[in-house]
C-alpha atoms as a PDB file:
ATOM      1  CA  UNK A   1     -13.377  22.401 -22.197  1.00  0.00           C
ATOM      2  CA  UNK A   2     -10.489  20.433 -23.524  1.00  0.00           C
ATOM      3  CA  UNK A   3     -10.058  16.646 -22.998  1.00  0.00           C
ATOM      4  CA  UNK A   4      -6.697  15.468 -21.988  1.00  0.00           C
ATOM      5  CA  UNK A   5      -5.768  11.573 -22.338  1.00  0.00           C
ATOM      6  CA  UNK A   6      -2.813   9.968 -20.703  1.00  0.00           C
ATOM      7  CA  UNK A   7       0.129   9.012 -23.114  1.00  0.00           C
ATOM      8  CA  UNK A   8       2.049   5.677 -23.490  1.00  0.00           C
ATOM      9  CA  UNK A   9       4.731   7.567 -21.400  1.00  0.00           C
ATOM     10  CA  UNK A  10       2.457   8.696 -18.613  1.00  0.00           C
ATOM     11  CA  UNK A  11       1.173   5.419 -18.263  1.00  0.00           C
ATOM     12  CA  UNK A  12       4.118   3.718 -17.956  1.00  0.00           C
ATOM     13  CA  UNK A  13       5.093   6.360 -15.242  1.00  0.00           C
ATOM     14  CA  UNK A  14       1.721   5.004 -13.658  1.00  0.00           C
ATOM     15  CA  UNK A  15       2.733   1.556 -13.702  1.00  0.00           C
ATOM     16  CA  UNK A  16       5.977   2.264 -12.297  1.00  0.00           C
ATOM     17  CA  UNK A  17       4.420   4.220  -9.325  1.00  0.00           C
ATOM     18  CA  UNK A  18       1.953   1.570  -8.517  1.00  0.00           C
ATOM     19  CA  UNK A  19       4.882  -1.150  -8.670  1.00  0.00           C
ATOM     20  CA  UNK A  20       6.894   1.112  -6.359  1.00  0.00           C
ATOM     21  CA  UNK A  21       3.761   1.725  -4.182  1.00  0.00           C
ATOM     22  CA  UNK A  22       3.481  -2.460  -4.154  1.00  0.00           C
ATOM     23  CA  UNK A  23       7.093  -3.063  -3.355  1.00  0.00           C
ATOM     24  CA  UNK A  24       6.352  -0.481  -0.179  1.00  0.00           C
ATOM     25  CA  UNK A  25       3.439  -1.840   1.266  1.00  0.00           C
ATOM     26  CA  UNK A  26       4.421  -5.702   0.906  1.00  0.00           C
ATOM     27  CA  UNK A  27       6.648  -6.040   3.702  1.00  0.00           C
ATOM     28  CA  UNK A  28       3.715  -4.113   5.801  1.00  0.00           C
ATOM     29  CA  UNK A  29       0.968  -6.497   4.514  1.00  0.00           C
ATOM     30  CA  UNK A  30       3.540  -9.085   5.473  1.00  0.00           C
ATOM     31  CA  UNK A  31       4.291  -8.003   8.937  1.00  0.00           C
ATOM     32  CA  UNK A  32       0.256  -7.686   9.697  1.00  0.00           C
ATOM     33  CA  UNK A  33      -0.594 -10.883   8.439  1.00  0.00           C
ATOM     34  CA  UNK A  34      -3.389  -9.281   5.667  1.00  0.00           C
ATOM     35  CA  UNK A  35      -5.669 -11.514   3.930  1.00  0.00           C
ATOM     36  CA  UNK A  36      -4.704  -9.277   0.696  1.00  0.00           C
ATOM     37  CA  UNK A  37      -1.001  -9.684   0.673  1.00  0.00           C
ATOM     38  CA  UNK A  38      -1.314 -12.432  -2.229  1.00  0.00           C
ATOM     39  CA  UNK A  39      -3.248 -10.289  -4.275  1.00  0.00           C
ATOM     40  CA  UNK A  40      -0.392  -7.185  -3.540  1.00  0.00           C
ATOM     41  CA  UNK A  41       2.372  -9.542  -4.575  1.00  0.00           C
ATOM     42  CA  UNK A  42      -0.117 -10.732  -7.780  1.00  0.00           C
ATOM     43  CA  UNK A  43      -0.483  -7.111  -8.611  1.00  0.00           C
ATOM     44  CA  UNK A  44       3.401  -6.183  -8.275  1.00  0.00           C
ATOM     45  CA  UNK A  45       3.798  -9.267 -10.662  1.00  0.00           C
ATOM     46  CA  UNK A  46       0.893  -8.064 -13.348  1.00  0.00           C
ATOM     47  CA  UNK A  47       2.364  -4.662 -13.158  1.00  0.00           C
ATOM     48  CA  UNK A  48       5.931  -5.510 -13.717  1.00  0.00           C
ATOM     49  CA  UNK A  49       5.032  -7.886 -16.685  1.00  0.00           C
ATOM     50  CA  UNK A  50       3.024  -5.172 -18.163  1.00  0.00           C
ATOM     51  CA  UNK A  51       5.900  -2.560 -17.990  1.00  0.00           C
ATOM     52  CA  UNK A  52       7.888  -5.074 -19.527  1.00  0.00           C
ATOM     53  CA  UNK A  53       5.598  -6.579 -22.759  1.00  0.00           C
ATOM     54  CA  UNK A  54       3.503  -3.322 -22.853  1.00  0.00           C
ATOM     55  CA  UNK A  55      -0.655  -2.970 -22.639  1.00  0.00           C
ATOM     56  CA  UNK A  56      -3.690  -1.968 -23.637  1.00  0.00           C
ATOM     57  CA  UNK A  57      -6.330  -0.225 -21.484  1.00  0.00           C
ATOM     58  CA  UNK A  58      -8.471  -3.384 -20.432  1.00  0.00           C
ATOM     59  CA  UNK A  59      -5.304  -4.592 -18.895  1.00  0.00           C
ATOM     60  CA  UNK A  60      -4.665  -1.163 -17.141  1.00  0.00           C
ATOM     61  CA  UNK A  61      -8.342  -1.774 -15.745  1.00  0.00           C
ATOM     62  CA  UNK A  62      -8.131  -5.133 -15.056  1.00  0.00           C
ATOM     63  CA  UNK A  63      -4.599  -4.467 -12.953  1.00  0.00           C
ATOM     64  CA  UNK A  64      -6.376  -1.236 -11.379  1.00  0.00           C
ATOM     65  CA  UNK A  65      -9.357  -3.493 -10.281  1.00  0.00           C
ATOM     66  CA  UNK A  66      -7.285  -6.749  -8.461  1.00  0.00           C
ATOM     67  CA  UNK A  67      -5.767  -4.090  -5.896  1.00  0.00           C
ATOM     68  CA  UNK A  68      -8.146  -4.857  -2.854  1.00  0.00           C
ATOM     69  CA  UNK A  69      -8.174  -2.046   0.062  1.00  0.00           C
ATOM     70  CA  UNK A  70      -6.760  -3.972   3.075  1.00  0.00           C
ATOM     71  CA  UNK A  71      -9.234  -1.577   5.239  1.00  0.00           C
ATOM     72  CA  UNK A  72     -12.577  -2.033   5.124  1.00  0.00           C
ATOM     73  CA  UNK A  73     -14.427   1.286   4.262  1.00  0.00           C
ATOM     74  CA  UNK A  74     -17.852   0.763   4.643  1.00  0.00           C
ATOM     75  CA  UNK A  75     -19.925   3.172   7.296  1.00  0.00           C
ATOM     76  CA  UNK A  76     -18.799   3.924  10.479  1.00  0.00           C
ATOM     77  CA  UNK A  77     -15.445   2.216   9.143  1.00  0.00           C
ATOM     78  CA  UNK A  78     -13.340   4.578  11.410  1.00  0.00           C
ATOM     79  CA  UNK A  79     -14.725   3.073  15.048  1.00  0.00           C
ATOM     80  CA  UNK A  80     -13.238  -0.620  13.950  1.00  0.00           C
ATOM     81  CA  UNK A  81      -9.684   0.928  14.287  1.00  0.00           C
ATOM     82  CA  UNK A  82      -9.746   3.934  16.721  1.00  0.00           C
ATOM     83  CA  UNK A  83      -7.947   2.814  19.948  1.00  0.00           C
ATOM     84  CA  UNK A  84      -8.138   4.790  23.350  1.00  0.00           C
ATOM     85  CA  UNK A  85      -4.690   6.542  23.852  1.00  0.00           C
ATOM     86  CA  UNK A  86      -3.025   6.491  27.610  1.00  0.00           C
ATOM     87  CA  UNK A  87      -4.345  10.356  27.739  1.00  0.00           C
ATOM     88  CA  UNK A  88      -7.748   9.502  27.411  1.00  0.00           C
ATOM     89  CA  UNK A  89      -7.925  10.945  23.784  1.00  0.00           C
ATOM     90  CA  UNK A  90      -8.817   8.943  20.705  1.00  0.00           C
ATOM     91  CA  UNK A  91      -6.611   8.163  17.748  1.00  0.00           C
ATOM     92  CA  UNK A  92      -5.361   5.875  15.358  1.00  0.00           C
ATOM     93  CA  UNK A  93      -2.612   3.063  16.694  1.00  0.00           C
ATOM     94  CA  UNK A  94       0.742   3.150  15.070  1.00  0.00           C
ATOM     95  CA  UNK A  95       0.214  -0.065  12.761  1.00  0.00           C
ATOM     96  CA  UNK A  96      -2.862   1.498  10.857  1.00  0.00           C
ATOM     97  CA  UNK A  97      -1.322   4.732  10.230  1.00  0.00           C
ATOM     98  CA  UNK A  98       1.826   2.571   8.578  1.00  0.00           C
ATOM     99  CA  UNK A  99      -0.368   1.040   6.583  1.00  0.00           C
ATOM    100  CA  UNK A 100      -2.249   3.412   5.437  1.00  0.00           C
ATOM    101  CA  UNK A 101       0.762   5.594   4.467  1.00  0.00           C
ATOM    102  CA  UNK A 102       1.797   2.543   2.453  1.00  0.00           C
ATOM    103  CA  UNK A 103      -1.341   1.866   1.277  1.00  0.00           C
ATOM    104  CA  UNK A 104      -3.160   5.134   0.048  1.00  0.00           C
ATOM    105  CA  UNK A 105      -0.215   5.634  -2.638  1.00  0.00           C
ATOM    106  CA  UNK A 106      -0.894   2.304  -4.023  1.00  0.00           C
ATOM    107  CA  UNK A 107      -4.707   2.942  -3.778  1.00  0.00           C
ATOM    108  CA  UNK A 108      -4.365   6.348  -5.670  1.00  0.00           C
ATOM    109  CA  UNK A 109      -2.027   4.996  -8.122  1.00  0.00           C
ATOM    110  CA  UNK A 110      -4.669   1.824  -9.141  1.00  0.00           C
ATOM    111  CA  UNK A 111      -7.337   4.204  -9.421  1.00  0.00           C
ATOM    112  CA  UNK A 112      -5.296   6.576 -11.659  1.00  0.00           C
ATOM    113  CA  UNK A 113      -4.851   3.250 -14.121  1.00  0.00           C
ATOM    114  CA  UNK A 114      -8.988   3.196 -14.212  1.00  0.00           C
ATOM    115  CA  UNK A 115      -9.198   6.623 -15.830  1.00  0.00           C
ATOM    116  CA  UNK A 116      -8.298   7.301 -19.419  1.00  0.00           C
ATOM    117  CA  UNK A 117      -7.642  10.939 -18.863  1.00  0.00           C
ATOM    118  CA  UNK A 118      -9.358  13.773 -17.505  1.00  0.00           C
ATOM    119  CA  UNK A 119     -10.521  17.519 -18.430  1.00  0.00           C
END
């Protein structure tokens, strides 16, 4: 098995993806009044700073861990958010779908920054 470690150029791309994701997430976060909004704003500032000035793996890990999930995903977490629709079925409310569509890429990008590479 061969180990692959991310290059500096790939790390910059990963930071840029996180930056783009946070830019897309922030308006929804503000609109919903999420308590995590200041954390997303700070992470955006930090990502931009690291892109401009350089970084170590410790910096990337610290940034990654500073990005909180806005959704409490403990046991049976889905039941907190499901709503009954007019036809009687259960599904996600529109606000949740919009939030998830913007939050998921941010969380994936943040997680990638914690990884050194892959096999």
